[in-house]
Amino acid sequence: MQASRMPEITLSLPAALGALALILLIGAASVYFSLRAGFSPGGEQLVEPTLEGTPTETPTITPTATEPLPPTALPTQTPLEPFSYTVRAGDTCGGIAVAFSVSVQSIVILNNLPSNCIISVGQTLQIPYPTPTPAPPPTDVPNEATQTAQACEKVPYTVQENDTLSIIAANYNVPQDAIKFYNGLSTDSVFIGQPLLIPLCERFATPGPTPTATLPPPYQAPPLLLPADGAAFTLANDVVTLQWSSIGTLRDNEAYQVTIEDVTAGGRRSTEYVTDTKFIVPTSFRPNDNLAHVIRWWVTTVRQNGVDEQGQPIYDSAGAVSEKRVFTWVGVTVEGTPSP
């Protein structure tokens, strides 16, 4: 049995080449359009954006602020309120200051008094409580010393009227710079009522081969008692007695120097030396006219330092000068006007 044959297509050579060219043309067109579909109209290749993951911010931990502790309050000393004092007969600012261990200046400032501290009987004063004045011992002494500053012997001293730093230094035989150093003074100025510490360990050496006895420190100003400042005396008062408080036991060569001055009579003055705490004004000093003479008086402590050519004792100052008081004294009766 003879098998069937496939149909045969017979193409001429030109037709075969045409069919091949058609197939190549179709393939080229397919490639062209497929490539054209992947570019933008401007000729740029279109690339699908790739979504990137959104970065997650790491939270920053803010440290909690630590509240500072409040500073510890330092204890402070509460000042005490001043107390009242009524002035009595014979009182003076110096005597009141000594009695209550305060300075005259503090009484003057607290009570708005004049600088000479004039007070009257019955007047009410405000007296401050005394405050301790610590003196820090220095680590160095201003000149060559055999003792340390902590072991240095010191005595307290309150500046009196007419005092200067040089006078105080001379009275104690201590260098002026040493007093300034131990009291923290930057200048040579001192004021009435100012407390000072006198370094006795800084005293100048006594010249000569044989040392002499150490003199006691200068005495404080004697507080005046009677008569009261501004007292009046008439012809009936034949005797006027001045009195003051003792500053301690005097040595054999020491005395009180009492100075009285008649201000009205051009400054007529008399100076006497006693070892008692009172002095009777001699009648020879009583005025001899009918005017009220103003008599000023004050007291200080002196120490004998030899005698002069006439054998009279020579005295040197041994302490501070007291305040000055005044009184009036009439010595002659005022004559009346005769009647017609």
C-alpha atoms as a PDB file:
ATOM      1  CA  MET A   1       0.000   0.000   0.000  1.00  0.00           C
ATOM      2  CA  GLN A   2       1.594   3.296  -0.884  1.00  0.00           C
ATOM      3  CA  ALA A   3       1.712   6.043   1.797  1.00  0.00           C
ATOM      4  CA  SER A   4       0.265   9.444   1.085  1.00  0.00           C
ATOM      5  CA  ARG A   5       2.679  12.206   0.381  1.00  0.00           C
ATOM      6  CA  MET A   6       2.845  15.612   2.019  1.00  0.00           C
ATOM      7  CA  PRO A   7       1.893  18.459  -0.156  1.00  0.00           C
ATOM      8  CA  GLU A   8       4.937  20.086  -1.549  1.00  0.00           C
ATOM      9  CA  ILE A   9       5.269  23.750  -2.021  1.00  0.00           C
ATOM     10  CA  THR A  10       7.622  24.752  -4.581  1.00  0.00           C
ATOM     11  CA  LEU A  11       8.919  28.311  -4.424  1.00  0.00           C
ATOM     12  CA  SER A  12      11.041  30.015  -6.779  1.00  0.00           C
ATOM     13  CA  LEU A  13      14.216  31.639  -5.531  1.00  0.00           C
ATOM     14  CA  PRO A  14      12.881  35.208  -5.650  1.00  0.00           C
ATOM     15  CA  ALA A  15       9.816  34.198  -3.668  1.00  0.00           C
ATOM     16  CA  ALA A  16      11.944  32.456  -1.016  1.00  0.00           C
ATOM     17  CA  LEU A  17      14.097  35.524  -0.551  1.00  0.00           C
ATOM     18  CA  GLY A  18      11.025  37.723  -0.257  1.00  0.00           C
ATOM     19  CA  ALA A  19       9.541  35.482   2.448  1.00  0.00           C
ATOM     20  CA  LEU A  20      12.814  35.549   4.383  1.00  0.00           C
ATOM     21  CA  ALA A  21      12.988  39.325   4.159  1.00  0.00           C
ATOM     22  CA  LEU A  22       9.392  39.596   5.437  1.00  0.00           C
ATOM     23  CA  ILE A  23      10.177  37.414   8.450  1.00  0.00           C
ATOM     24  CA  LEU A  24      13.259  39.521   9.328  1.00  0.00           C
ATOM     25  CA  LEU A  25      11.233  42.710   8.969  1.00  0.00           C
ATOM     26  CA  ILE A  26       8.561  41.452  11.359  1.00  0.00           C
ATOM     27  CA  GLY A  27      11.213  40.428  13.918  1.00  0.00           C
ATOM     28  CA  ALA A  28      12.964  43.786  13.700  1.00  0.00           C
ATOM     29  CA  ALA A  29       9.667  45.620  14.198  1.00  0.00           C
ATOM     30  CA  SER A  30       8.877  43.538  17.281  1.00  0.00           C
ATOM     31  CA  VAL A  31      12.279  44.319  18.807  1.00  0.00           C
ATOM     32  CA  TYR A  32      11.923  48.035  18.017  1.00  0.00           C
ATOM     33  CA  PHE A  33       8.540  48.453  19.639  1.00  0.00           C
ATOM     34  CA  SER A  34       9.512  46.383  22.653  1.00  0.00           C
ATOM     35  CA  LEU A  35      12.561  48.631  23.241  1.00  0.00           C
ATOM     36  CA  ARG A  36      10.529  51.791  22.587  1.00  0.00           C
ATOM     37  CA  ALA A  37       8.062  50.844  25.300  1.00  0.00           C
ATOM     38  CA  GLY A  38      10.918  50.995  27.963  1.00  0.00           C
ATOM     39  CA  PHE A  39      11.926  54.701  27.406  1.00  0.00           C
ATOM     40  CA  SER A  40      10.220  57.987  28.220  1.00  0.00           C
ATOM     41  CA  PRO A  41       9.095  60.344  25.504  1.00  0.00           C
ATOM     42  CA  GLY A  42      12.260  62.389  26.032  1.00  0.00           C
ATOM     43  CA  GLY A  43      14.387  59.395  25.324  1.00  0.00           C
ATOM     44  CA  GLU A  44      15.264  58.660  28.923  1.00  0.00           C
ATOM     45  CA  GLN A  45      14.909  55.178  30.196  1.00  0.00           C
ATOM     46  CA  LEU A  46      12.031  54.853  32.599  1.00  0.00           C
ATOM     47  CA  VAL A  47      13.053  53.121  35.766  1.00  0.00           C
ATOM     48  CA  GLU A  48      10.406  52.126  38.211  1.00  0.00           C
ATOM     49  CA  PRO A  49      11.281  53.681  41.573  1.00  0.00           C
ATOM     50  CA  THR A  50      12.142  51.245  44.231  1.00  0.00           C
ATOM     51  CA  LEU A  51      10.459  52.056  47.495  1.00  0.00           C
ATOM     52  CA  GLU A  52      13.020  52.325  50.192  1.00  0.00           C
ATOM     53  CA  GLY A  53      12.165  51.661  53.756  1.00  0.00           C
ATOM     54  CA  THR A  54      11.457  54.737  55.931  1.00  0.00           C
ATOM     55  CA  PRO A  55      14.250  55.019  58.520  1.00  0.00           C
ATOM     56  CA  THR A  56      13.038  54.727  62.067  1.00  0.00           C
ATOM     57  CA  GLU A  57      14.432  57.430  64.331  1.00  0.00           C
ATOM     58  CA  THR A  58      15.995  56.146  67.492  1.00  0.00           C
ATOM     59  CA  PRO A  59      14.456  58.055  70.449  1.00  0.00           C
ATOM     60  CA  THR A  60      17.030  60.087  72.402  1.00  0.00           C
ATOM     61  CA  ILE A  61      16.785  59.593  76.137  1.00  0.00           C
ATOM     62  CA  THR A  62      16.926  62.939  77.918  1.00  0.00           C
ATOM     63  CA  PRO A  63      18.524  62.589  81.355  1.00  0.00           C
ATOM     64  CA  THR A  64      16.431  63.897  84.217  1.00  0.00           C
ATOM     65  CA  ALA A  65      18.009  66.996  85.719  1.00  0.00           C
ATOM     66  CA  THR A  66      19.113  66.467  89.287  1.00  0.00           C
ATOM     67  CA  GLU A  67      17.815  69.269  91.496  1.00  0.00           C
ATOM     68  CA  PRO A  68      20.715  70.738  93.494  1.00  0.00           C
ATOM     69  CA  LEU A  69      20.449  70.549  97.228  1.00  0.00           C
ATOM     70  CA  PRO A  70      19.873  73.893  98.960  1.00  0.00           C
ATOM     71  CA  PRO A  71      22.991  75.236 100.668  1.00  0.00           C
ATOM     72  CA  THR A  72      23.220  74.625 104.351  1.00  0.00           C
ATOM     73  CA  ALA A  73      22.579  77.843 106.206  1.00  0.00           C
ATOM     74  CA  LEU A  74      25.401  78.842 108.499  1.00  0.00           C
ATOM     75  CA  PRO A  75      24.375  79.694 112.029  1.00  0.00           C
ATOM     76  CA  THR A  76      24.523  83.410 112.762  1.00  0.00           C
ATOM     77  CA  GLN A  77      24.595  85.096 116.099  1.00  0.00           C
ATOM     78  CA  THR A  78      21.391  86.948 116.883  1.00  0.00           C
ATOM     79  CA  PRO A  79      22.285  90.364 118.296  1.00  0.00           C
ATOM     80  CA  LEU A  80      20.675  91.161 121.609  1.00  0.00           C
ATOM     81  CA  GLU A  81      18.421  94.168 121.908  1.00  0.00           C
ATOM     82  CA  PRO A  82      19.968  97.081 123.834  1.00  0.00           C
ATOM     83  CA  PHE A  83      18.682  97.706 127.324  1.00  0.00           C
ATOM     84  CA  SER A  84      17.625 100.979 128.910  1.00  0.00           C
ATOM     85  CA  TYR A  85      19.560 102.828 131.591  1.00  0.00           C
ATOM     86  CA  THR A  86      18.514 106.009 133.382  1.00  0.00           C
ATOM     87  CA  VAL A  87      21.306 108.497 134.017  1.00  0.00           C
ATOM     88  CA  ARG A  88      21.882 109.221 137.713  1.00  0.00           C
ATOM     89  CA  ALA A  89      23.700 112.037 139.443  1.00  0.00           C
ATOM     90  CA  GLY A  90      27.435 111.796 138.877  1.00  0.00           C
ATOM     91  CA  ASP A  91      27.152 109.548 135.834  1.00  0.00           C
ATOM     92  CA  THR A  92      29.335 110.145 132.811  1.00  0.00           C
ATOM     93  CA  CYS A  93      29.549 108.383 129.484  1.00  0.00           C
ATOM     94  CA  GLY A  94      32.983 107.050 130.402  1.00  0.00           C
ATOM     95  CA  GLY A  95      31.782 105.687 133.733  1.00  0.00           C
ATOM     96  CA  ILE A  96      28.711 104.069 132.151  1.00  0.00           C
ATOM     97  CA  ALA A  97      30.853 102.549 129.391  1.00  0.00           C
ATOM     98  CA  VAL A  98      33.281 101.080 131.925  1.00  0.00           C
ATOM     99  CA  ALA A  99      30.461  99.769 134.122  1.00  0.00           C
ATOM    100  CA  PHE A 100      28.799  97.910 131.255  1.00  0.00           C
ATOM    101  CA  SER A 101      32.006  96.946 129.375  1.00  0.00           C
ATOM    102  CA  VAL A 102      31.087  98.847 126.197  1.00  0.00           C
ATOM    103  CA  SER A 103      32.712 101.714 124.331  1.00  0.00           C
ATOM    104  CA  VAL A 104      31.730 105.346 124.672  1.00  0.00           C
ATOM    105  CA  GLN A 105      31.378 105.533 120.895  1.00  0.00           C
ATOM    106  CA  SER A 106      28.728 102.790 120.867  1.00  0.00           C
ATOM    107  CA  ILE A 107      26.660 104.759 123.414  1.00  0.00           C
ATOM    108  CA  VAL A 108      27.060 107.955 121.374  1.00  0.00           C
ATOM    109  CA  ILE A 109      26.001 106.285 118.105  1.00  0.00           C
ATOM    110  CA  LEU A 110      23.090 104.321 119.581  1.00  0.00           C
ATOM    111  CA  ASN A 111      21.604 107.373 121.322  1.00  0.00           C
ATOM    112  CA  ASN A 112      22.461 110.019 118.687  1.00  0.00           C
ATOM    113  CA  LEU A 113      24.488 111.995 121.239  1.00  0.00           C
ATOM    114  CA  PRO A 114      27.029 114.690 120.404  1.00  0.00           C
ATOM    115  CA  SER A 115      30.627 113.587 120.014  1.00  0.00           C
ATOM    116  CA  ASN A 116      31.553 114.817 123.506  1.00  0.00           C
ATOM    117  CA  CYS A 117      28.715 112.652 124.924  1.00  0.00           C
ATOM    118  CA  ILE A 118      26.810 115.207 126.987  1.00  0.00           C
ATOM    119  CA  ILE A 119      24.142 113.535 129.169  1.00  0.00           C
ATOM    120  CA  SER A 120      21.822 114.769 131.902  1.00  0.00           C
ATOM    121  CA  VAL A 121      20.346 113.295 135.068  1.00  0.00           C
ATOM    122  CA  GLY A 122      17.139 111.366 134.381  1.00  0.00           C
ATOM    123  CA  GLN A 123      17.948 110.842 130.705  1.00  0.00           C
ATOM    124  CA  THR A 124      17.204 107.341 129.392  1.00  0.00           C
ATOM    125  CA  LEU A 125      20.026 105.796 127.402  1.00  0.00           C
ATOM    126  CA  GLN A 126      20.091 102.670 125.274  1.00  0.00           C
ATOM    127  CA  ILE A 127      23.095 100.555 126.264  1.00  0.00           C
ATOM    128  CA  PRO A 128      24.279  97.853 123.797  1.00  0.00           C
ATOM    129  CA  TYR A 129      25.306  94.460 125.028  1.00  0.00           C
ATOM    130  CA  PRO A 130      29.084  94.045 124.871  1.00  0.00           C
ATOM    131  CA  THR A 131      30.309  91.933 121.989  1.00  0.00           C
ATOM    132  CA  PRO A 132      33.563  90.036 122.226  1.00  0.00           C
ATOM    133  CA  THR A 133      36.252  91.167 119.843  1.00  0.00           C
ATOM    134  CA  PRO A 134      38.316  88.121 118.920  1.00  0.00           C
ATOM    135  CA  ALA A 135      41.863  88.827 117.866  1.00  0.00           C
ATOM    136  CA  PRO A 136      43.153  86.144 115.521  1.00  0.00           C
ATOM    137  CA  PRO A 137      46.744  85.309 116.383  1.00  0.00           C
ATOM    138  CA  PRO A 138      48.984  85.989 113.393  1.00  0.00           C
ATOM    139  CA  THR A 139      51.196  83.322 111.957  1.00  0.00           C
ATOM    140  CA  ASP A 140      54.153  85.693 111.829  1.00  0.00           C
ATOM    141  CA  VAL A 141      55.311  88.417 114.145  1.00  0.00           C
ATOM    142  CA  PRO A 142      56.425  91.691 112.617  1.00  0.00           C
ATOM    143  CA  ASN A 143      59.883  91.608 114.160  1.00  0.00           C
ATOM    144  CA  GLU A 144      62.215  89.134 115.834  1.00  0.00           C
ATOM    145  CA  ALA A 145      60.442  87.554 118.811  1.00  0.00           C
ATOM    146  CA  THR A 146      61.245  84.644 121.053  1.00  0.00           C
ATOM    147  CA  GLN A 147      57.644  83.532 121.425  1.00  0.00           C
ATOM    148  CA  THR A 148      55.081  82.517 118.884  1.00  0.00           C
ATOM    149  CA  ALA A 149      52.102  84.766 118.258  1.00  0.00           C
ATOM    150  CA  GLN A 150      49.784  82.335 120.018  1.00  0.00           C
ATOM    151  CA  ALA A 151      51.872  82.410 123.194  1.00  0.00           C
ATOM    152  CA  CYS A 152      52.411  86.172 123.088  1.00  0.00           C
ATOM    153  CA  GLU A 153      51.138  87.960 126.184  1.00  0.00           C
ATOM    154  CA  LYS A 154      48.565  90.597 125.246  1.00  0.00           C
ATOM    155  CA  VAL A 155      46.562  93.106 127.260  1.00  0.00           C
ATOM    156  CA  PRO A 156      43.341  94.794 126.096  1.00  0.00           C
ATOM    157  CA  TYR A 157      43.230  98.558 125.801  1.00  0.00           C
ATOM    158  CA  THR A 158      40.431 100.953 124.820  1.00  0.00           C
ATOM    159  CA  VAL A 159      41.411 104.099 122.942  1.00  0.00           C
ATOM    160  CA  GLN A 160      40.749 107.223 125.024  1.00  0.00           C
ATOM    161  CA  GLU A 161      40.390 110.883 124.140  1.00  0.00           C
ATOM    162  CA  ASN A 162      43.598 112.506 122.843  1.00  0.00           C
ATOM    163  CA  ASP A 163      45.137 109.069 122.244  1.00  0.00           C
ATOM    164  CA  THR A 164      47.196 108.390 119.138  1.00  0.00           C
ATOM    165  CA  LEU A 165      48.794 105.159 118.031  1.00  0.00           C
ATOM    166  CA  SER A 166      52.261 106.558 118.686  1.00  0.00           C
ATOM    167  CA  ILE A 167      51.333 107.620 122.244  1.00  0.00           C
ATOM    168  CA  ILE A 168      49.871 104.201 123.020  1.00  0.00           C
ATOM    169  CA  ALA A 169      52.961 102.505 121.618  1.00  0.00           C
ATOM    170  CA  ALA A 170      55.249 104.753 123.678  1.00  0.00           C
ATOM    171  CA  ASN A 171      53.259 104.142 126.885  1.00  0.00           C
ATOM    172  CA  TYR A 172      53.592 100.384 126.479  1.00  0.00           C
ATOM    173  CA  ASN A 173      57.153 100.495 125.081  1.00  0.00           C
ATOM    174  CA  VAL A 174      55.899  98.469 122.102  1.00  0.00           C
ATOM    175  CA  PRO A 175      56.647  99.117 118.412  1.00  0.00           C
ATOM    176  CA  GLN A 176      53.842 100.920 116.644  1.00  0.00           C
ATOM    177  CA  ASP A 177      53.970  98.440 113.751  1.00  0.00           C
ATOM    178  CA  ALA A 178      53.492  95.553 116.189  1.00  0.00           C
ATOM    179  CA  ILE A 179      50.228  97.047 117.480  1.00  0.00           C
ATOM    180  CA  LYS A 180      49.047  97.565 113.908  1.00  0.00           C
ATOM    181  CA  PHE A 181      49.966  93.999 112.971  1.00  0.00           C
ATOM    182  CA  TYR A 182      48.256  92.307 115.920  1.00  0.00           C
ATOM    183  CA  ASN A 183      45.085  94.368 115.414  1.00  0.00           C
ATOM    184  CA  GLY A 184      44.899  94.220 111.623  1.00  0.00           C
ATOM    185  CA  LEU A 185      45.243  98.004 111.215  1.00  0.00           C
ATOM    186  CA  SER A 186      46.107  99.339 107.782  1.00  0.00           C
ATOM    187  CA  THR A 187      46.682 102.935 108.915  1.00  0.00           C
ATOM    188  CA  ASP A 188      47.941 104.765 111.999  1.00  0.00           C
ATOM    189  CA  SER A 189      44.473 106.171 112.755  1.00  0.00           C
ATOM    190  CA  VAL A 190      42.554 105.110 115.881  1.00  0.00           C
ATOM    191  CA  PHE A 191      39.238 106.379 117.266  1.00  0.00           C
ATOM    192  CA  ILE A 192      37.798 106.866 120.749  1.00  0.00           C
ATOM    193  CA  GLY A 193      36.388 103.643 122.173  1.00  0.00           C
ATOM    194  CA  GLN A 194      38.261 101.397 119.758  1.00  0.00           C
ATOM    195  CA  PRO A 195      39.433  98.164 121.452  1.00  0.00           C
ATOM    196  CA  LEU A 196      43.055  97.186 120.881  1.00  0.00           C
ATOM    197  CA  LEU A 197      45.284  94.309 121.910  1.00  0.00           C
ATOM    198  CA  ILE A 198      48.764  95.339 123.041  1.00  0.00           C
ATOM    199  CA  PRO A 199      51.388  92.601 122.415  1.00  0.00           C
ATOM    200  CA  LEU A 200      53.615  92.811 125.472  1.00  0.00           C
ATOM    201  CA  CYS A 201      55.923  90.154 124.017  1.00  0.00           C
ATOM    202  CA  GLU A 202      56.994  92.756 121.438  1.00  0.00           C
ATOM    203  CA  ARG A 203      58.330  95.241 123.970  1.00  0.00           C
ATOM    204  CA  PHE A 204      61.682  96.843 123.278  1.00  0.00           C
ATOM    205  CA  ALA A 205      64.571  95.433 125.251  1.00  0.00           C
ATOM    206  CA  THR A 206      65.604  97.542 128.219  1.00  0.00           C
ATOM    207  CA  PRO A 207      69.024  99.073 127.451  1.00  0.00           C
ATOM    208  CA  GLY A 208      71.876  98.584 129.871  1.00  0.00           C
ATOM    209  CA  PRO A 209      73.525  95.536 131.400  1.00  0.00           C
ATOM    210  CA  THR A 210      71.125  95.390 134.330  1.00  0.00           C
ATOM    211  CA  PRO A 211      67.479  94.923 133.355  1.00  0.00           C
ATOM    212  CA  THR A 212      65.039  97.089 135.259  1.00  0.00           C
ATOM    213  CA  ALA A 213      61.700  95.988 136.610  1.00  0.00           C
ATOM    214  CA  THR A 214      58.954  95.715 134.019  1.00  0.00           C
ATOM    215  CA  LEU A 215      56.564  98.624 134.330  1.00  0.00           C
ATOM    216  CA  PRO A 216      52.867  97.872 134.600  1.00  0.00           C
ATOM    217  CA  PRO A 217      50.740  98.615 131.555  1.00  0.00           C
ATOM    218  CA  PRO A 218      49.204 102.087 131.285  1.00  0.00           C
ATOM    219  CA  TYR A 219      46.079 102.532 133.369  1.00  0.00           C
ATOM    220  CA  GLN A 220      42.669 103.235 131.929  1.00  0.00           C
ATOM    221  CA  ALA A 221      41.140 106.692 132.209  1.00  0.00           C
ATOM    222  CA  PRO A 222      39.780 107.371 135.713  1.00  0.00           C
ATOM    223  CA  PRO A 223      35.944 107.599 135.543  1.00  0.00           C
ATOM    224  CA  LEU A 224      34.854 110.969 136.975  1.00  0.00           C
ATOM    225  CA  LEU A 225      32.101 110.936 139.598  1.00  0.00           C
ATOM    226  CA  LEU A 226      31.426 114.331 141.214  1.00  0.00           C
ATOM    227  CA  PRO A 227      30.536 117.046 140.663  1.00  0.00           C
ATOM    228  CA  ALA A 228      28.188 116.331 137.780  1.00  0.00           C
ATOM    229  CA  ASP A 229      29.055 117.915 134.466  1.00  0.00           C
ATOM    230  CA  GLY A 230      27.585 121.431 134.404  1.00  0.00           C
ATOM    231  CA  ALA A 231      27.021 121.709 138.185  1.00  0.00           C
ATOM    232  CA  ALA A 232      26.746 125.235 139.645  1.00  0.00           C
ATOM    233  CA  PHE A 233      28.371 126.478 142.858  1.00  0.00           C
ATOM    234  CA  THR A 234      27.770 129.808 144.597  1.00  0.00           C
ATOM    235  CA  LEU A 235      29.408 131.818 147.360  1.00  0.00           C
ATOM    236  CA  ALA A 236      27.784 129.479 149.860  1.00  0.00           C
ATOM    237  CA  ASN A 237      29.994 126.660 148.583  1.00  0.00           C
ATOM    238  CA  ASP A 238      33.292 127.407 150.269  1.00  0.00           C
ATOM    239  CA  VAL A 239      34.636 123.990 149.346  1.00  0.00           C
ATOM    240  CA  VAL A 240      34.306 122.135 146.016  1.00  0.00           C
ATOM    241  CA  THR A 241      35.380 118.484 146.124  1.00  0.00           C
ATOM    242  CA  LEU A 242      36.298 116.579 142.964  1.00  0.00           C
ATOM    243  CA  GLN A 243      35.841 112.794 143.039  1.00  0.00           C
ATOM    244  CA  TRP A 244      36.595 109.929 140.630  1.00  0.00           C
ATOM    245  CA  SER A 245      36.718 106.132 140.624  1.00  0.00           C
ATOM    246  CA  SER A 246      39.894 104.222 141.408  1.00  0.00           C
ATOM    247  CA  ILE A 247      41.696 102.569 138.513  1.00  0.00           C
ATOM    248  CA  GLY A 248      43.409 100.060 140.799  1.00  0.00           C
ATOM    249  CA  THR A 249      46.157  99.955 143.381  1.00  0.00           C
ATOM    250  CA  LEU A 250      48.798 102.560 142.662  1.00  0.00           C
ATOM    251  CA  ARG A 251      52.486 101.888 143.215  1.00  0.00           C
ATOM    252  CA  ASP A 252      54.609 103.960 145.550  1.00  0.00           C
ATOM    253  CA  ASN A 253      55.897 106.149 142.717  1.00  0.00           C
ATOM    254  CA  GLU A 254      52.477 106.674 141.096  1.00  0.00           C
ATOM    255  CA  ALA A 255      49.782 109.276 141.703  1.00  0.00           C
ATOM    256  CA  TYR A 256      46.702 110.927 140.229  1.00  0.00           C
ATOM    257  CA  GLN A 257      47.359 114.191 138.413  1.00  0.00           C
ATOM    258  CA  VAL A 258      44.400 116.582 138.851  1.00  0.00           C
ATOM    259  CA  THR A 259      44.216 119.579 136.539  1.00  0.00           C
ATOM    260  CA  ILE A 260      41.757 122.443 137.081  1.00  0.00           C
ATOM    261  CA  GLU A 261      41.429 125.365 134.683  1.00  0.00           C
ATOM    262  CA  ASP A 262      39.452 128.594 134.979  1.00  0.00           C
ATOM    263  CA  VAL A 263      38.210 129.031 131.419  1.00  0.00           C
ATOM    264  CA  THR A 264      36.586 132.389 132.168  1.00  0.00           C
ATOM    265  CA  ALA A 265      39.769 133.859 133.651  1.00  0.00           C
ATOM    266  CA  GLY A 266      41.845 133.312 130.529  1.00  0.00           C
ATOM    267  CA  GLY A 267      42.858 129.731 131.251  1.00  0.00           C
ATOM    268  CA  ARG A 268      44.280 130.108 134.777  1.00  0.00           C
ATOM    269  CA  ARG A 269      45.377 126.567 135.605  1.00  0.00           C
ATOM    270  CA  SER A 270      46.495 124.552 138.611  1.00  0.00           C
ATOM    271  CA  THR A 271      47.947 121.015 138.643  1.00  0.00           C
ATOM    272  CA  GLU A 272      48.094 118.892 141.767  1.00  0.00           C
ATOM    273  CA  TYR A 273      49.163 115.305 142.560  1.00  0.00           C
ATOM    274  CA  VAL A 274      47.259 113.095 145.017  1.00  0.00           C
ATOM    275  CA  THR A 275      47.081 109.405 145.829  1.00  0.00           C
ATOM    276  CA  ASP A 276      43.457 109.539 146.974  1.00  0.00           C
ATOM    277  CA  THR A 277      40.421 109.483 144.642  1.00  0.00           C
ATOM    278  CA  LYS A 278      39.263 112.958 145.644  1.00  0.00           C
ATOM    279  CA  PHE A 279      40.663 116.466 145.600  1.00  0.00           C
ATOM    280  CA  ILE A 280      39.435 119.640 147.342  1.00  0.00           C
ATOM    281  CA  VAL A 281      39.737 122.703 145.152  1.00  0.00           C
ATOM    282  CA  PRO A 282      41.736 125.253 147.167  1.00  0.00           C
ATOM    283  CA  THR A 283      39.962 128.463 148.153  1.00  0.00           C
ATOM    284  CA  SER A 284      42.730 130.388 146.421  1.00  0.00           C
ATOM    285  CA  PHE A 285      41.303 129.152 143.141  1.00  0.00           C
ATOM    286  CA  ARG A 286      37.812 130.497 143.922  1.00  0.00           C
ATOM    287  CA  PRO A 287      36.834 133.448 141.715  1.00  0.00           C
ATOM    288  CA  ASN A 288      37.127 136.884 143.273  1.00  0.00           C
ATOM    289  CA  ASP A 289      34.345 138.589 141.322  1.00  0.00           C
ATOM    290  CA  ASN A 290      30.597 138.190 140.962  1.00  0.00           C
ATOM    291  CA  LEU A 291      30.785 136.409 137.603  1.00  0.00           C
ATOM    292  CA  ALA A 292      29.968 132.730 137.165  1.00  0.00           C
ATOM    293  CA  HIS A 293      33.363 131.328 136.241  1.00  0.00           C
ATOM    294  CA  VAL A 294      33.501 128.132 134.170  1.00  0.00           C
ATOM    295  CA  ILE A 295      35.939 125.703 135.773  1.00  0.00           C
ATOM    296  CA  ARG A 296      37.167 122.729 133.718  1.00  0.00           C
ATOM    297  CA  TRP A 297      38.873 119.708 135.332  1.00  0.00           C
ATOM    298  CA  TRP A 298      40.235 116.279 134.408  1.00  0.00           C
ATOM    299  CA  VAL A 299      42.330 113.484 135.936  1.00  0.00           C
ATOM    300  CA  THR A 300      45.038 111.117 134.708  1.00  0.00           C
ATOM    301  CA  THR A 301      47.564 108.712 136.214  1.00  0.00           C
ATOM    302  CA  VAL A 302      51.267 109.612 136.346  1.00  0.00           C
ATOM    303  CA  ARG A 303      54.463 107.862 137.440  1.00  0.00           C
ATOM    304  CA  GLN A 304      57.472 109.605 139.022  1.00  0.00           C
ATOM    305  CA  ASN A 305      60.636 109.462 136.969  1.00  0.00           C
ATOM    306  CA  GLY A 306      63.306 111.201 139.041  1.00  0.00           C
ATOM    307  CA  VAL A 307      63.509 114.763 140.363  1.00  0.00           C
ATOM    308  CA  ASP A 308      64.496 118.102 138.881  1.00  0.00           C
ATOM    309  CA  GLU A 309      67.239 120.508 139.997  1.00  0.00           C
ATOM    310  CA  GLN A 310      65.023 121.922 142.747  1.00  0.00           C
ATOM    311  CA  GLY A 311      64.291 118.450 144.089  1.00  0.00           C
ATOM    312  CA  GLN A 312      60.744 118.434 142.742  1.00  0.00           C
ATOM    313  CA  PRO A 313      59.461 115.118 141.377  1.00  0.00           C
ATOM    314  CA  ILE A 314      59.264 114.662 137.624  1.00  0.00           C
ATOM    315  CA  TYR A 315      56.160 112.791 136.494  1.00  0.00           C
ATOM    316  CA  ASP A 316      55.526 110.880 133.267  1.00  0.00           C
ATOM    317  CA  SER A 317      52.142 109.811 131.966  1.00  0.00           C
ATOM    318  CA  ALA A 318      51.122 106.345 133.169  1.00  0.00           C
ATOM    319  CA  GLY A 319      47.648 106.057 131.691  1.00  0.00           C
ATOM    320  CA  ALA A 320      44.849 107.571 129.675  1.00  0.00           C
ATOM    321  CA  VAL A 321      43.358 110.983 130.374  1.00  0.00           C
ATOM    322  CA  SER A 322      39.809 111.101 131.732  1.00  0.00           C
ATOM    323  CA  GLU A 323      37.005 113.023 130.122  1.00  0.00           C
ATOM    324  CA  LYS A 324      36.827 116.729 130.899  1.00  0.00           C
ATOM    325  CA  ARG A 325      34.006 118.116 133.029  1.00  0.00           C
ATOM    326  CA  VAL A 326      33.012 121.674 133.843  1.00  0.00           C
ATOM    327  CA  PHE A 327      31.228 123.430 136.680  1.00  0.00           C
ATOM    328  CA  THR A 328      30.458 127.064 137.413  1.00  0.00           C
ATOM    329  CA  TRP A 329      31.505 128.916 140.556  1.00  0.00           C
ATOM    330  CA  VAL A 330      30.581 132.412 141.764  1.00  0.00           C
ATOM    331  CA  GLY A 331      32.979 133.814 144.355  1.00  0.00           C
ATOM    332  CA  VAL A 332      31.575 137.210 145.346  1.00  0.00           C
ATOM    333  CA  THR A 333      28.062 138.258 146.339  1.00  0.00           C
ATOM    334  CA  VAL A 334      26.260 140.254 143.692  1.00  0.00           C
ATOM    335  CA  GLU A 335      25.617 143.762 145.060  1.00  0.00           C
ATOM    336  CA  GLY A 336      22.056 144.985 144.720  1.00  0.00           C
ATOM    337  CA  THR A 337      21.067 148.293 143.124  1.00  0.00           C
ATOM    338  CA  PRO A 338      20.595 151.000 145.834  1.00  0.00           C
ATOM    339  CA  SER A 339      17.065 152.319 146.211  1.00  0.00           C
ATOM    340  CA  PRO A 340      16.540 156.075 145.618  1.00  0.00           C
END
